[in-house]
C-alpha cells in the first residue's frame, strides 16, 4: 500500500534527509546547533534565512509510517534524536 504524505510531511522528510533531527524548544525539531544563516548571493546586503524546523506532530506521523526512527531507543519520547530510515529515503526517491 503506497503511503501518501502531506506537503508538510514531505518537507519534514527532506529536512531529515539532510541530517538528524534534535528536539528544540516549544515542541519543534531541527538540526543540531541550527543557527540563522545568511544568503551569499545577495548583492546589496545579507538577508537572514530562517531555520527550518518540524513540529512534534509531524515527527510522530513520520515515525508511525516508519519513515523516521529514534536514534537512541532508551531515551524518552521527545528527548531522542531522530534519523531517516531506508524506507524514508526510498519514498523520497520514488516520489520526488
Protein backbone atom coordinates (compact mmCIF):
# COMPACT_ATOMS: atom_id res chain seq x y z
CA UNK A 1 0.00 0.00 0.00
CA UNK A 2 1.64 3.29 -1.05
CA UNK A 3 1.92 5.96 1.60
CA UNK A 4 0.66 9.44 0.72
CA UNK A 5 2.13 12.31 2.68
CA UNK A 6 1.06 15.91 3.11
CA UNK A 7 3.36 18.67 1.82
CA UNK A 8 4.39 19.45 5.41
CA UNK A 9 5.38 15.83 6.00
CA UNK A 10 7.33 15.78 2.73
CA UNK A 11 9.26 18.91 3.75
CA UNK A 12 9.99 17.28 7.11
CA UNK A 13 11.23 14.12 5.48
CA UNK A 14 13.53 16.15 3.22
CA UNK A 15 14.83 18.01 6.27
CA UNK A 16 15.57 14.69 7.98
CA UNK A 17 17.40 13.52 4.85
CA UNK A 18 19.82 16.45 5.26
CA UNK A 19 20.75 15.39 8.81
CA UNK A 20 19.49 14.04 12.10
CA UNK A 21 16.72 15.96 13.88
CA UNK A 22 17.04 17.01 17.51
CA UNK A 23 14.37 18.43 19.84
CA UNK A 24 14.37 22.21 20.20
CA UNK A 25 12.20 24.47 22.30
CA UNK A 26 8.39 24.69 22.06
CA UNK A 27 7.77 21.27 20.50
CA UNK A 28 9.95 21.86 17.45
CA UNK A 29 12.62 19.66 15.90
CA UNK A 30 15.60 20.88 13.90
CA UNK A 31 19.23 20.05 13.16
CA UNK A 32 21.78 20.11 15.97
CA UNK A 33 23.19 23.62 16.57
CA UNK A 34 21.00 25.15 13.84
CA UNK A 35 21.58 28.88 13.50
CA UNK A 36 20.30 31.64 11.26
CA UNK A 37 22.35 31.74 8.09
CA UNK A 38 22.75 34.45 5.50
CA UNK A 39 22.39 34.26 1.73
CA UNK A 40 25.75 34.59 0.00
CA UNK A 41 24.33 35.68 -3.34
CA UNK A 42 22.61 38.87 -2.16
CA UNK A 43 24.22 41.86 -3.90
CA UNK A 44 23.23 44.61 -1.54
CA UNK A 45 23.10 43.16 1.93
CA UNK A 46 22.94 39.83 3.63
CA UNK A 47 19.41 38.64 4.34
CA UNK A 48 18.88 36.13 7.12
CA UNK A 49 17.48 32.75 6.11
CA UNK A 50 15.12 31.14 8.59
CA UNK A 51 15.92 27.98 10.49
CA UNK A 52 13.90 25.08 9.11
CA UNK A 53 12.03 23.04 11.71
CA UNK A 54 9.34 20.39 12.21
CA UNK A 55 6.61 20.14 14.80
CA UNK A 56 6.35 17.18 17.14
CA UNK A 57 3.08 16.11 15.50
CA UNK A 58 4.76 15.82 12.09
CA UNK A 59 7.65 13.85 13.59
CA UNK A 60 5.18 11.48 15.26
CA UNK A 61 3.31 10.97 11.97
CA UNK A 62 6.52 10.15 10.10
CA UNK A 63 7.55 7.72 12.85
CA UNK A 64 4.18 5.93 12.56
CA UNK A 65 4.71 5.50 8.82
CA UNK A 66 8.17 4.05 9.54
CA UNK A 67 9.98 6.83 7.68
CA UNK A 68 11.77 8.18 10.79
CA UNK A 69 13.29 6.32 13.70
CA UNK A 70 14.69 7.19 17.13
CA UNK A 71 18.48 7.02 17.18
CA UNK A 72 18.63 6.10 20.88
CA UNK A 73 15.59 3.98 21.80
CA UNK A 74 16.28 4.06 25.55
CA UNK A 75 15.78 7.86 25.77
CA UNK A 76 12.39 9.49 26.32
CA UNK A 77 9.85 10.07 23.55
CA UNK A 78 10.76 13.72 22.97
CA UNK A 79 14.41 13.56 24.10
CA UNK A 80 15.95 11.28 21.47
CA UNK A 81 17.31 12.41 18.14
CA UNK A 82 15.52 11.14 15.02
CA UNK A 83 17.02 9.96 11.77
CA UNK A 84 15.58 8.97 8.42
CA UNK A 85 15.16 5.27 7.70
CA UNK A 86 15.92 3.48 4.46
CA UNK A 87 12.17 3.36 3.78
CA UNK A 88 12.11 7.15 4.04
CA UNK A 89 14.98 7.51 1.59
CA UNK A 90 13.30 5.15 -0.87
CA UNK A 91 9.99 7.04 -0.54
CA UNK A 92 11.75 10.29 -1.42
CA UNK A 93 13.45 8.71 -4.42
CA UNK A 94 10.16 7.36 -5.78
CA UNK A 95 8.04 10.45 -5.09
CA UNK A 96 10.10 13.48 -5.98
